[in-house]
Amino acid sequence: METFNYWEFVAGLGVFLLGMNQMETGLKNLAGHSFRNLLQKFTNKPWKGVLTGTFITAILQSSSLVTLMVLAFLGAGLISLKNTLGVILGANLGTTFTAWIVATLGFKVSIASIALPFIGIGALVYIFFTNRQTLKNIGILLLGFGFLFYGIELMKTSIEELANQVDLSQFSDVPTFFFFLAGIGLTALIQSSSATLVILLSALHSGFIGLDQAAAATVGSNIGTTITVIFGAFQGTPDKKRLASFHLLFNLTTGILILPFLHLILNFLQSLAFGKDPLIDLVIFNSFMNLAGILLFYPFLGIIRKWLKRRFVKEKEHLTVYIQNVETSIPEAALKALEKDLDLVYERVKQFILHISGNIQESPMQVSIWKRVLGHPFEIIQEYNEIKVLEDELTAYHIKLQSESMTELEAKRLTSLMLSLRMMVYAAKAFKGIAQNLKDIEDAERNLPRNLYKTIQSKIKETLEKIDELKAQELENEQIPDWVKLLESDSEKEIEEIYIEAKSHKTDIPFSTLSNVIKEYIRGLYNLGASVIHAKHPIQAVMDSPEPKA
């Protein structure tokens, strides 16, 4: 008698998870921006949040991905805690869509006949169209879909072999609570409730476990899936921790309330006309459990939000360093502290610009979970918000310092430093506005925008080095260096060159977008250079950023 092929099962689980990951990557790259817009625009009401969360999760096939996306929006201040609660409810319902696909297709037809064509076509498209982003992502999507079903085939086969070798009657006396705990542990380990459910469907299909045992493990898997979100919010903002707490509260409460009535619910489902297939019964139970949880929690979202607001309250942490230790009663020392914190702002803005322009190559270990899961724009938003927090703290300190008695020179110095701060923020704002456009240009398939991206990268790196040199030297006068003044003409020259090239070369990025990116990145560099001039001279005149010509 052949022994159970453990490696076949492990390989099946690994291939299934790889398929899920590839499908998420392909879908996120193909329509990630649309999903982000959807989350922002259609979550202003709790019921809209539920529908949006359900729809996006059903498409992306991962409640963890959607929840992490919501956490990023919440941390960036783009969506309120109140509106995220509805999305979390919907995500739990949307993730059951995977189980429906597996139950209705995975065990009804030849899985190999489904998986192999997708794997073959997807791999070929991915390999031969690696420079065409859209086709490449379609290849990843097809490859992931094929891997998903091939993984199911491997797990199903291995479990069926085990079922044929084991006396299944010995499991009849095992309490369902054991399977409930097993569902929690397995999902926490592999961090995918969808994968757990596929394993349960395979075991149920082979007769290895009964429907009640599979249902108990399904309840546990809903709780185990919260571990991913808890880890994602562990060191986050209070709102992130509140959202993770709500996710755990929803799944834990729903599971605890459903578990005692497990047998009654299953008996009712089996008594219905369509309740003759254990696989369909299990996925109906899974959907019913999450839908019941939504109906239970939805009326109390306002109360729950207020309760969560009282959790994880802590003293505000400051991003500024030096002004926190210096009282404004001594203006001379206060100005020195302000100067040092402005240096911190300058470095943050410079790094912000380098990140957006792709001039800093991070290793996989350095990239945060938000950038790995959700992409470049979310990281950018968070960095920009921190710059704005620094601006707010320094502005509040400036207002307090103005009430002190200062000499005329100190007053001018204070004005100059605050103008410098304003120009730095203007620089960051200019680059924030074109962050997504730059990413689109980088990912373009045509050479014209891709070559422009390389030119912009080089220009930014070169100009930032000049600004660093300007900052390090003592300026003898208040005049703006010639290279700073020439930035405006450089902008016009680059736009003219792109316009000429666009007449004879195709571009998949609109010319209006290309010209706007050129104007804004030049404007940002000018503002950063101007901020250094302001910081070095006690002048009152504002050096405005160059205005684009009509």
Protein backbone atom coordinates (compact mmCIF):
# COMPACT_ATOMS: atom_id res chain seq x y z
CA MET A 1 0.00 0.00 0.00
CA GLU A 2 1.37 3.39 -0.96
CA THR A 3 1.98 5.87 1.82
CA PHE A 4 0.58 9.36 1.89
CA ASN A 5 2.65 11.62 -0.36
CA TYR A 6 3.24 14.54 1.99
CA TRP A 7 5.39 16.36 -0.52
CA GLU A 8 2.62 16.24 -3.10
CA PHE A 9 0.32 17.95 -0.62
CA VAL A 10 2.95 20.55 0.36
CA ALA A 11 3.70 21.21 -3.32
CA GLY A 12 -0.01 21.57 -4.02
CA LEU A 13 -0.38 24.09 -1.18
CA GLY A 14 2.69 26.00 -2.37
CA VAL A 15 1.57 26.08 -6.01
CA PHE A 16 -1.93 27.20 -4.94
CA LEU A 17 -0.53 30.06 -2.81
CA LEU A 18 1.84 31.00 -5.63
CA GLY A 19 -1.13 31.08 -8.00
CA MET A 20 -3.07 33.31 -5.62
CA ASN A 21 -0.07 35.62 -5.35
CA GLN A 22 0.39 35.81 -9.12
CA MET A 23 -3.31 36.50 -9.68
CA GLU A 24 -3.19 39.29 -7.09
CA THR A 25 -0.09 40.77 -8.76
CA GLY A 26 -1.57 40.64 -12.24
CA LEU A 27 -4.91 42.10 -11.20
CA LYS A 28 -3.30 44.76 -9.03
CA ASN A 29 -1.03 45.89 -11.88
CA LEU A 30 -3.82 45.81 -14.46
CA ALA A 31 -6.46 47.57 -12.40
CA GLY A 32 -4.83 48.53 -9.12
CA HIS A 33 -5.21 52.25 -9.73
CA SER A 34 -8.91 51.77 -10.55
CA PHE A 35 -9.41 49.84 -7.33
CA ARG A 36 -7.65 52.57 -5.36
CA ASN A 37 -9.94 55.18 -6.92
CA LEU A 38 -12.94 52.97 -6.16
CA LEU A 39 -11.97 52.73 -2.51
CA GLN A 40 -11.61 56.49 -2.25
CA LYS A 41 -14.78 57.47 -4.13
CA PHE A 42 -17.29 54.85 -3.02
CA THR A 43 -16.76 54.47 0.70
CA ASN A 44 -18.34 57.69 1.98
CA LYS A 45 -21.31 55.69 3.31
CA PRO A 46 -21.06 52.46 5.35
CA TRP A 47 -23.35 50.56 2.95
CA LYS A 48 -21.23 51.68 0.01
CA GLY A 49 -18.16 50.50 1.87
CA VAL A 50 -19.71 47.04 2.32
CA LEU A 51 -20.53 46.75 -1.41
CA THR A 52 -17.14 48.12 -2.47
CA GLY A 53 -15.25 45.81 -0.12
CA THR A 54 -17.25 42.82 -1.37
CA PHE A 55 -16.68 43.66 -5.04
CA ILE A 56 -12.95 44.41 -4.79
CA THR A 57 -12.23 41.34 -2.68
CA ALA A 58 -14.20 39.11 -5.05
CA ILE A 59 -12.02 40.38 -7.92
CA LEU A 60 -8.65 40.41 -6.13
CA GLN A 61 -9.40 37.08 -4.40
CA SER A 62 -7.75 38.21 -1.15
CA SER A 63 -9.40 39.83 1.85
CA SER A 64 -5.95 40.32 3.41
CA LEU A 65 -4.76 42.35 0.42
CA VAL A 66 -7.86 44.54 0.46
CA THR A 67 -7.63 45.03 4.22
CA LEU A 68 -3.96 46.00 3.98
CA MET A 69 -4.89 48.41 1.18
CA VAL A 70 -7.53 49.97 3.43
CA LEU A 71 -4.98 50.19 6.26
CA ALA A 72 -2.65 52.13 3.96
CA PHE A 73 -5.42 54.56 2.97
CA LEU A 74 -6.33 55.00 6.60
CA GLY A 75 -2.75 55.69 7.60
CA ALA A 76 -2.41 58.22 4.78
CA GLY A 77 -5.56 60.04 5.86
CA LEU A 78 -7.34 59.39 2.55
CA ILE A 79 -10.23 57.51 4.13
CA SER A 80 -11.80 57.85 7.57
CA LEU A 81 -12.05 55.10 10.17
CA LYS A 82 -15.85 55.28 9.95
CA ASN A 83 -15.83 54.46 6.22
CA THR A 84 -13.23 51.70 6.47
CA LEU A 85 -15.42 49.62 8.80
CA GLY A 86 -17.92 48.94 6.02
CA VAL A 87 -15.12 47.90 3.64
CA ILE A 88 -13.85 45.36 6.18
CA LEU A 89 -17.33 43.87 6.49
CA GLY A 90 -17.60 43.57 2.71
CA ALA A 91 -14.10 42.09 2.36
CA ASN A 92 -15.08 39.17 4.59
CA LEU A 93 -18.04 38.40 2.33
CA GLY A 94 -16.11 38.94 -0.91
CA THR A 95 -13.40 36.43 0.03
CA THR A 96 -16.00 33.63 -0.05
CA PHE A 97 -16.12 34.01 -3.84
CA THR A 98 -12.92 31.95 -4.15
CA ALA A 99 -14.60 29.02 -2.40
CA TRP A 100 -17.54 29.18 -4.81
CA ILE A 101 -15.21 28.96 -7.83
CA VAL A 102 -13.33 26.01 -6.34
CA ALA A 103 -16.49 24.13 -5.24
CA THR A 104 -18.31 24.58 -8.54
CA LEU A 105 -15.36 24.03 -10.91
CA GLY A 106 -12.48 22.48 -9.01
CA PHE A 107 -14.23 19.19 -8.25
CA LYS A 108 -16.72 18.98 -11.11
CA VAL A 109 -14.44 18.94 -14.16
CA SER A 110 -10.94 17.76 -15.03
CA ILE A 111 -8.73 20.26 -13.26
CA ALA A 112 -5.69 19.46 -15.41
CA SER A 113 -7.70 20.34 -18.52
CA ILE A 114 -8.30 23.78 -16.98
CA ALA A 115 -4.92 24.40 -15.38
CA LEU A 116 -2.41 23.36 -18.05
CA PRO A 117 -3.66 25.63 -20.89
CA PHE A 118 -3.64 28.62 -18.55
CA ILE A 119 -0.13 27.79 -17.30
CA GLY A 120 1.19 27.26 -20.82
CA ILE A 121 -0.37 30.34 -22.41
CA GLY A 122 0.33 32.52 -19.38
CA ALA A 123 4.01 31.53 -19.24
CA LEU A 124 4.50 32.15 -22.97
CA VAL A 125 2.80 35.56 -22.84
CA TYR A 126 4.86 36.53 -19.79
CA ILE A 127 8.18 35.45 -21.38
CA PHE A 128 7.69 36.81 -24.91
CA PHE A 129 6.01 40.10 -23.92
CA THR A 130 8.11 41.00 -20.89
CA ASN A 131 8.58 44.57 -22.24
CA ARG A 132 4.86 45.11 -22.80
CA GLN A 133 3.47 45.79 -19.34
CA THR A 134 -0.19 45.13 -20.12
CA LEU A 135 0.45 41.82 -21.88
CA LYS A 136 3.01 40.85 -19.26
CA ASN A 137 0.45 41.35 -16.48
CA ILE A 138 -2.16 39.39 -18.43
CA GLY A 139 0.39 36.57 -18.65
CA ILE A 140 0.95 36.74 -14.88
CA LEU A 141 -2.81 36.64 -14.31
CA LEU A 142 -3.28 33.58 -16.56
CA LEU A 143 -0.27 31.86 -15.02
CA GLY A 144 -1.64 32.49 -11.53
CA PHE A 145 -5.07 31.13 -12.47
CA GLY A 146 -3.47 27.98 -13.85
CA PHE A 147 -1.24 27.50 -10.81
CA LEU A 148 -4.25 27.95 -8.53
CA PHE A 149 -6.14 25.06 -10.10
CA TYR A 150 -3.06 22.88 -10.51
CA GLY A 151 -2.36 23.32 -6.78
CA ILE A 152 -5.93 22.23 -6.06
CA GLU A 153 -5.38 19.09 -8.17
CA LEU A 154 -2.22 18.15 -6.24
CA MET A 155 -3.85 18.69 -2.84
CA LYS A 156 -7.02 16.86 -3.85
CA THR A 157 -5.06 13.85 -5.16
CA SER A 158 -2.85 13.57 -2.08
CA ILE A 159 -5.78 13.85 0.34
CA GLU A 160 -7.78 11.26 -1.61
CA GLU A 161 -4.82 8.88 -1.32
CA LEU A 162 -4.70 9.47 2.43
CA ALA A 163 -8.45 8.90 2.75
CA ASN A 164 -8.11 5.52 1.04
CA GLN A 165 -5.44 4.41 3.53
CA VAL A 166 -6.92 5.64 6.82
CA ASP A 167 -9.82 4.28 8.81
CA LEU A 168 -12.05 7.36 8.71
CA SER A 169 -14.28 6.08 11.50
CA GLN A 170 -11.62 7.03 14.04
CA PHE A 171 -12.34 10.72 13.33
CA SER A 172 -16.06 10.43 14.01
CA ASP A 173 -15.60 10.97 17.75
CA VAL A 174 -13.24 13.94 17.42
CA PRO A 175 -15.10 17.02 18.73
CA THR A 176 -15.80 19.79 16.25
CA PHE A 177 -14.07 22.25 18.58
CA PHE A 178 -10.78 20.56 17.70
CA PHE A 179 -11.36 21.34 14.01
CA PHE A 180 -12.31 24.90 14.96
CA LEU A 181 -8.88 25.33 16.61
CA ALA A 182 -7.18 23.56 13.71
CA GLY A 183 -8.78 26.05 11.29
CA ILE A 184 -7.41 28.97 13.31
CA GLY A 185 -3.92 27.49 13.50
CA LEU A 186 -3.67 26.45 9.85
CA THR A 187 -4.88 29.81 8.51
CA ALA A 188 -2.60 31.75 10.85
CA LEU A 189 0.29 29.61 9.60
CA ILE A 190 -0.30 29.91 5.84
CA GLN A 191 -1.99 33.34 6.10
CA SER A 192 -4.72 32.52 3.59
CA SER A 193 -8.27 31.57 4.50
CA SER A 194 -8.86 30.73 0.81
CA ALA A 195 -6.08 28.12 0.88
CA THR A 196 -7.48 26.68 4.12
CA LEU A 197 -10.92 26.38 2.55
CA VAL A 198 -9.48 24.60 -0.51
CA ILE A 199 -7.81 22.09 1.82
CA LEU A 200 -11.12 21.59 3.65
CA LEU A 201 -13.04 21.17 0.39
CA SER A 202 -10.48 18.60 -0.78
CA ALA A 203 -10.72 16.70 2.51
CA LEU A 204 -14.52 16.87 2.41
CA HIS A 205 -14.65 15.71 -1.21
CA SER A 206 -12.46 12.68 -0.43
CA GLY A 207 -14.55 11.79 2.64
CA PHE A 208 -11.61 12.36 4.96
CA ILE A 209 -13.68 14.66 7.18
CA GLY A 210 -17.39 15.30 7.55
CA LEU A 211 -19.36 18.44 6.74
CA ASP A 212 -19.71 19.50 10.39
CA GLN A 213 -15.95 19.14 10.92
CA ALA A 214 -15.17 21.11 7.76
CA ALA A 215 -17.65 23.82 8.79
CA ALA A 216 -16.05 24.11 12.26
CA ALA A 217 -12.62 24.51 10.66
CA THR A 218 -14.07 27.15 8.30
CA VAL A 219 -15.25 29.16 11.31
CA GLY A 220 -11.73 28.91 12.72
CA SER A 221 -10.14 29.99 9.44
CA ASN A 222 -12.16 33.22 9.49
CA ILE A 223 -10.54 34.04 12.81
CA GLY A 224 -7.06 32.89 11.78
CA THR A 225 -7.02 35.21 8.76
CA THR A 226 -6.98 38.26 11.07
CA ILE A 227 -3.37 37.50 12.03
CA THR A 228 -2.06 39.02 8.77
CA VAL A 229 -3.86 42.30 9.43
CA ILE A 230 -2.79 42.39 13.07
CA PHE A 231 0.86 42.08 12.00
CA GLY A 232 0.31 44.80 9.38
CA ALA A 233 -0.99 47.25 12.01
CA PHE A 234 1.25 46.23 14.91
CA GLN A 235 3.52 49.29 14.72
CA GLY A 236 1.08 51.52 12.86
CA THR A 237 -0.98 54.54 13.82
CA PRO A 238 -3.78 54.29 16.40
CA ASP A 239 -6.37 54.20 13.58
CA LYS A 240 -4.61 51.24 11.98
CA LYS A 241 -4.66 49.39 15.29
CA ARG A 242 -8.34 50.23 15.72
CA LEU A 243 -9.14 48.84 12.28
CA ALA A 244 -7.19 45.65 12.96
CA SER A 245 -9.05 45.33 16.27
CA PHE A 246 -12.38 45.69 14.45
CA HIS A 247 -11.36 43.02 11.95
CA LEU A 248 -10.54 40.64 14.82
CA LEU A 249 -13.70 41.61 16.74
CA PHE A 250 -15.92 40.95 13.71
CA ASN A 251 -14.48 37.54 12.89
CA LEU A 252 -14.14 36.42 16.51
CA THR A 253 -17.67 37.49 17.49
CA THR A 254 -19.24 35.98 14.37
CA GLY A 255 -17.36 32.72 14.89
CA ILE A 256 -18.25 32.41 18.58
CA LEU A 257 -21.95 33.08 17.87
CA ILE A 258 -22.12 30.69 14.91
CA LEU A 259 -20.21 27.77 16.45
CA PRO A 260 -22.89 26.68 19.01
CA PHE A 261 -25.54 26.57 16.25
CA LEU A 262 -23.30 24.83 13.74
CA HIS A 263 -25.27 21.58 13.55
CA LEU A 264 -28.64 23.35 13.35
CA ILE A 265 -27.47 25.52 10.44
CA LEU A 266 -25.99 22.57 8.56
CA ASN A 267 -29.09 20.44 9.10
CA PHE A 268 -31.22 23.27 7.74
CA LEU A 269 -29.00 23.62 4.65
CA GLN A 270 -29.09 19.88 4.01
CA SER A 271 -32.87 19.86 4.25
CA LEU A 272 -33.16 22.31 1.35
CA ALA A 273 -33.61 21.18 -2.23
CA PHE A 274 -30.10 22.25 -3.21
CA GLY A 275 -28.50 21.01 0.00
CA LYS A 276 -27.45 17.60 -1.29
CA ASP A 277 -23.84 18.39 -2.21
CA PRO A 278 -21.51 18.73 0.84
CA LEU A 279 -19.13 21.00 -1.08
CA ILE A 280 -21.90 23.45 -1.99
CA ASP A 281 -23.27 23.19 1.56
CA LEU A 282 -19.87 24.23 2.95
CA VAL A 283 -19.48 27.29 0.72
CA ILE A 284 -23.10 28.32 1.40
CA PHE A 285 -22.37 28.00 5.12
CA ASN A 286 -19.23 30.12 4.72
CA SER A 287 -21.13 32.86 2.86
CA PHE A 288 -24.03 32.68 5.31
CA MET A 289 -21.69 33.07 8.28
CA ASN A 290 -20.09 36.23 6.88
CA LEU A 291 -23.41 37.67 5.72
CA ALA A 292 -24.92 37.05 9.16
CA GLY A 293 -21.95 38.85 10.71
CA ILE A 294 -22.50 41.86 8.44
CA LEU A 295 -26.20 42.05 9.35
CA LEU A 296 -25.26 41.78 13.03
CA PHE A 297 -22.56 44.46 13.03
CA TYR A 298 -23.89 46.97 10.47
CA PRO A 299 -26.52 48.63 12.74
CA PHE A 300 -23.89 49.21 15.44
CA LEU A 301 -21.05 50.62 13.32
CA GLY A 302 -21.49 54.09 14.82
CA ILE A 303 -21.30 52.78 18.39
CA ILE A 304 -18.35 50.53 17.54
CA ARG A 305 -16.50 53.45 15.93
CA LYS A 306 -16.92 55.57 19.07
CA TRP A 307 -15.71 52.67 21.20
CA LEU A 308 -12.68 52.14 18.96
CA LYS A 309 -11.84 55.87 19.12
CA ARG A 310 -11.30 55.48 22.85
CA ARG A 311 -8.80 52.66 22.25
CA PHE A 312 -5.07 53.06 21.57
CA VAL A 313 -5.06 56.69 22.65
CA LYS A 314 -1.53 57.86 23.32
CA GLU A 315 0.41 61.07 23.68
CA LYS A 316 1.18 62.70 20.36
CA GLU A 317 4.65 61.94 19.02
CA HIS A 318 6.55 64.81 17.43
CA LEU A 319 8.56 64.49 14.22
CA THR A 320 10.61 67.60 14.98
CA VAL A 321 13.62 67.03 17.25
CA TYR A 322 15.33 70.24 18.31
CA ILE A 323 12.47 72.68 18.90
CA GLN A 324 10.92 70.26 21.39
CA ASN A 325 13.86 70.87 23.72
CA VAL A 326 14.15 74.67 23.40
CA GLU A 327 11.77 77.22 24.90
CA THR A 328 10.91 80.25 22.76
CA SER A 329 11.77 82.60 25.62
CA ILE A 330 15.34 82.71 24.32
CA PRO A 331 14.91 83.67 20.63
CA GLU A 332 18.56 83.18 19.73
CA ALA A 333 18.53 79.54 20.88
CA ALA A 334 15.05 79.01 19.42
CA LEU A 335 16.21 80.18 15.99
CA LYS A 336 19.16 77.77 16.13
CA ALA A 337 16.79 74.91 16.99
CA LEU A 338 14.51 75.97 14.13
CA GLU A 339 17.47 75.94 11.73
CA LYS A 340 18.44 72.40 12.76
CA ASP A 341 14.91 71.09 12.33
CA LEU A 342 14.75 72.81 8.93
CA ASP A 343 17.83 70.80 7.98
CA LEU A 344 15.83 67.67 8.84
CA VAL A 345 12.96 68.88 6.65
CA TYR A 346 15.38 69.53 3.79
CA GLU A 347 16.76 66.00 4.01
CA ARG A 348 13.24 64.55 4.13
CA VAL A 349 12.17 66.52 1.07
CA LYS A 350 15.31 65.52 -0.80
CA GLN A 351 14.79 61.84 0.01
CA PHE A 352 11.12 62.22 -0.93
CA ILE A 353 12.12 63.52 -4.37
CA LEU A 354 14.68 60.75 -4.82
CA HIS A 355 12.09 58.10 -3.91
CA ILE A 356 9.54 59.46 -6.37
CA SER A 357 12.09 59.72 -9.18
CA GLY A 358 13.43 56.21 -8.57
CA ASN A 359 16.94 57.43 -7.80
CA ILE A 360 17.07 55.29 -4.65
CA GLN A 361 17.12 51.56 -5.28
CA GLU A 362 15.93 49.72 -2.19
CA SER A 363 16.65 46.08 -1.45
CA PRO A 364 13.64 43.79 -0.87
CA MET A 365 14.35 43.79 2.88
CA GLN A 366 14.26 47.61 3.00
CA VAL A 367 10.96 47.96 1.17
CA SER A 368 8.06 48.37 3.58
CA ILE A 369 5.07 46.02 3.58
CA TRP A 370 2.90 48.83 2.18
CA LYS A 371 5.08 49.28 -0.90
CA ARG A 372 5.41 45.53 -1.44
CA VAL A 373 1.67 44.94 -1.22
CA LEU A 374 0.14 48.14 -2.48
CA GLY A 375 2.71 49.82 -4.64
CA HIS A 376 4.63 53.09 -4.86
CA PRO A 377 1.89 55.75 -4.41
CA PHE A 378 0.92 54.67 -0.87
CA GLU A 379 4.48 55.00 0.40
CA ILE A 380 4.72 58.43 -1.22
CA ILE A 381 1.51 59.66 0.44
CA GLN A 382 2.77 58.60 3.86
CA GLU A 383 6.12 60.37 3.37
CA TYR A 384 4.42 63.55 2.17
CA ASN A 385 2.07 63.56 5.16
CA GLU A 386 5.05 63.37 7.49
CA ILE A 387 6.57 66.42 5.76
CA LYS A 388 3.26 68.24 6.31
CA VAL A 389 3.31 67.26 9.99
CA LEU A 390 6.80 68.75 10.27
CA GLU A 391 5.52 71.93 8.63
CA ASP A 392 2.64 72.15 11.11
CA GLU A 393 4.92 71.66 14.12
CA LEU A 394 7.43 74.25 12.90
CA THR A 395 4.65 76.71 12.04
CA ALA A 396 3.16 76.37 15.53
CA TYR A 397 6.63 76.99 17.01
CA HIS A 398 7.03 80.01 14.71
CA ILE A 399 3.74 81.51 15.92
CA LYS A 400 4.79 81.03 19.53
CA LEU A 401 8.22 82.54 18.86
CA GLN A 402 6.66 85.63 17.24
CA SER A 403 5.14 86.61 20.59
CA GLU A 404 8.63 86.91 22.11
CA SER A 405 10.72 90.07 22.11
CA MET A 406 13.22 89.86 19.24
CA THR A 407 15.71 92.16 17.58
CA GLU A 408 15.04 93.30 14.01
CA LEU A 409 17.74 90.96 12.73
CA GLU A 410 16.20 88.00 14.59
CA ALA A 411 12.74 88.83 13.24
CA LYS A 412 14.08 88.93 9.68
CA ARG A 413 15.91 85.68 10.31
CA LEU A 414 12.69 84.04 11.49
CA THR A 415 10.81 85.27 8.40
CA SER A 416 13.58 83.95 6.16
CA LEU A 417 13.52 80.49 7.79
CA MET A 418 9.74 80.20 7.48
CA LEU A 419 9.91 81.20 3.80
CA SER A 420 12.52 78.50 3.38
CA LEU A 421 10.16 75.98 5.00
CA ARG A 422 7.32 77.06 2.72
CA MET A 423 9.46 76.58 -0.41
CA MET A 424 10.52 73.12 0.75
CA VAL A 425 6.89 72.09 1.16
CA TYR A 426 6.09 73.58 -2.26
CA ALA A 427 8.88 71.41 -3.70
CA ALA A 428 7.47 68.28 -2.06
CA LYS A 429 3.96 69.16 -3.22
CA ALA A 430 5.08 69.56 -6.82
CA PHE A 431 6.62 66.07 -6.84
CA LYS A 432 3.71 64.52 -4.97
CA GLY A 433 1.39 65.78 -7.71
CA ILE A 434 3.29 63.92 -10.43
CA ALA A 435 4.20 60.75 -8.47
CA GLN A 436 1.69 58.53 -10.26
CA ASN A 437 2.44 60.16 -13.63
CA LEU A 438 6.14 59.39 -13.18
CA LYS A 439 5.31 55.79 -12.32
CA ASP A 440 3.16 55.54 -15.46
CA ILE A 441 5.99 57.00 -17.56
CA GLU A 442 8.46 54.54 -16.04
CA ASP A 443 6.12 51.61 -16.85
CA ALA A 444 5.33 52.85 -20.36
CA GLU A 445 5.86 50.47 -23.27
CA ARG A 446 7.01 53.12 -25.79
CA ASN A 447 10.60 54.39 -25.88
CA LEU A 448 9.71 58.09 -25.94
CA PRO A 449 8.25 58.28 -22.39
CA ARG A 450 10.75 55.74 -21.06
CA ASN A 451 13.68 57.78 -22.36
CA LEU A 452 12.13 60.90 -20.86
CA TYR A 453 11.96 59.12 -17.50
CA LYS A 454 15.71 58.42 -17.65
CA THR A 455 16.37 62.06 -18.56
CA ILE A 456 14.26 63.27 -15.63
CA GLN A 457 16.06 60.89 -13.26
CA SER A 458 19.45 62.18 -14.38
CA LYS A 459 18.38 65.84 -14.21
CA ILE A 460 16.97 65.44 -10.70
CA LYS A 461 20.07 63.70 -9.40
CA GLU A 462 22.37 66.29 -10.95
CA THR A 463 20.33 69.27 -9.66
CA LEU A 464 20.03 67.88 -6.14
CA GLU A 465 23.80 67.54 -6.00
CA LYS A 466 24.11 71.21 -6.99
CA ILE A 467 21.59 72.21 -4.31
CA ASP A 468 23.56 70.23 -1.72
CA GLU A 469 26.71 72.13 -2.74
CA LEU A 470 24.80 75.41 -2.55
CA LYS A 471 23.61 74.53 0.94
CA ALA A 472 27.11 73.66 2.11
CA GLN A 473 28.76 76.93 1.01
CA GLU A 474 28.56 80.41 2.43
CA LEU A 475 26.73 82.72 0.02
CA GLU A 476 28.23 86.17 -0.35
CA ASN A 477 25.14 87.83 -1.73
CA GLU A 478 21.42 87.33 -2.02
CA GLN A 479 21.43 86.64 -5.74
CA ILE A 480 20.01 83.44 -7.10
CA PRO A 481 22.75 81.36 -8.81
CA ASP A 482 22.54 81.31 -12.61
CA TRP A 483 21.87 77.55 -12.79
CA VAL A 484 18.77 78.01 -10.62
CA LYS A 485 17.50 80.80 -12.88
CA LEU A 486 18.10 78.63 -15.96
CA LEU A 487 15.80 75.89 -14.65
CA GLU A 488 12.79 77.65 -16.17
CA SER A 489 14.36 77.74 -19.61
CA ASP A 490 15.43 74.12 -19.17
CA SER A 491 11.78 73.25 -18.66
CA GLU A 492 10.75 74.97 -21.91
CA LYS A 493 13.62 73.32 -23.76
CA GLU A 494 12.69 69.81 -22.56
CA ILE A 495 9.02 70.30 -23.51
CA GLU A 496 10.01 71.54 -26.97
CA GLU A 497 12.28 68.51 -27.49
CA ILE A 498 9.52 66.11 -26.44
CA TYR A 499 7.05 67.88 -28.74
CA ILE A 500 9.39 67.50 -31.73
CA GLU A 501 10.09 63.85 -30.92
CA ALA A 502 6.37 63.11 -30.44
CA LYS A 503 5.74 64.09 -34.08
CA SER A 504 7.73 61.13 -35.35
CA HIS A 505 7.50 58.66 -32.46
CA LYS A 506 4.48 57.04 -30.84
CA THR A 507 3.79 57.48 -27.15
CA ASP A 508 1.38 55.61 -24.90
CA ILE A 509 1.44 58.50 -22.44
CA PRO A 510 -0.47 61.69 -23.44
CA PHE A 511 1.75 64.61 -24.43
CA SER A 512 -0.13 66.85 -21.97
CA THR A 513 0.91 64.50 -19.16
CA LEU A 514 4.55 64.51 -20.27
CA SER A 515 4.70 68.31 -20.48
CA ASN A 516 3.00 68.72 -17.09
CA VAL A 517 5.49 66.33 -15.47
CA ILE A 518 8.38 68.34 -16.91
CA LYS A 519 6.94 71.63 -15.64
CA GLU A 520 6.21 70.29 -12.17
CA TYR A 521 9.50 68.51 -11.53
CA ILE A 522 11.41 71.61 -12.65
CA ARG A 523 9.17 73.75 -10.43
CA GLY A 524 9.91 71.43 -7.50
CA LEU A 525 13.67 71.62 -8.02
CA TYR A 526 13.50 75.41 -8.30
CA ASN A 527 11.55 75.67 -5.06
CA LEU A 528 14.04 73.48 -3.21
CA GLY A 529 16.94 75.58 -4.51
CA ALA A 530 15.10 78.76 -3.53
CA SER A 531 14.53 77.38 -0.04
CA VAL A 532 18.29 77.15 0.45
CA ILE A 533 18.70 80.81 -0.62
CA HIS A 534 16.01 81.88 1.87
CA ALA A 535 17.59 79.89 4.69
CA LYS A 536 20.94 81.64 4.20
CA HIS A 537 19.77 85.27 3.95
CA PRO A 538 17.55 87.40 6.25
CA ILE A 539 15.49 88.76 3.36
CA GLN A 540 11.76 89.44 3.26
CA ALA A 541 11.11 89.26 -0.47
CA VAL A 542 9.52 85.99 -1.56
CA MET A 543 11.30 84.17 -4.35
CA ASP A 544 8.30 82.80 -6.22
CA SER A 545 8.53 79.58 -8.14
CA PRO A 546 8.56 79.94 -11.93
CA GLU A 547 5.09 80.23 -13.38
CA PRO A 548 4.38 78.12 -16.44
CA LYS A 549 3.93 80.14 -19.60
CA ALA A 550 0.80 79.73 -21.67
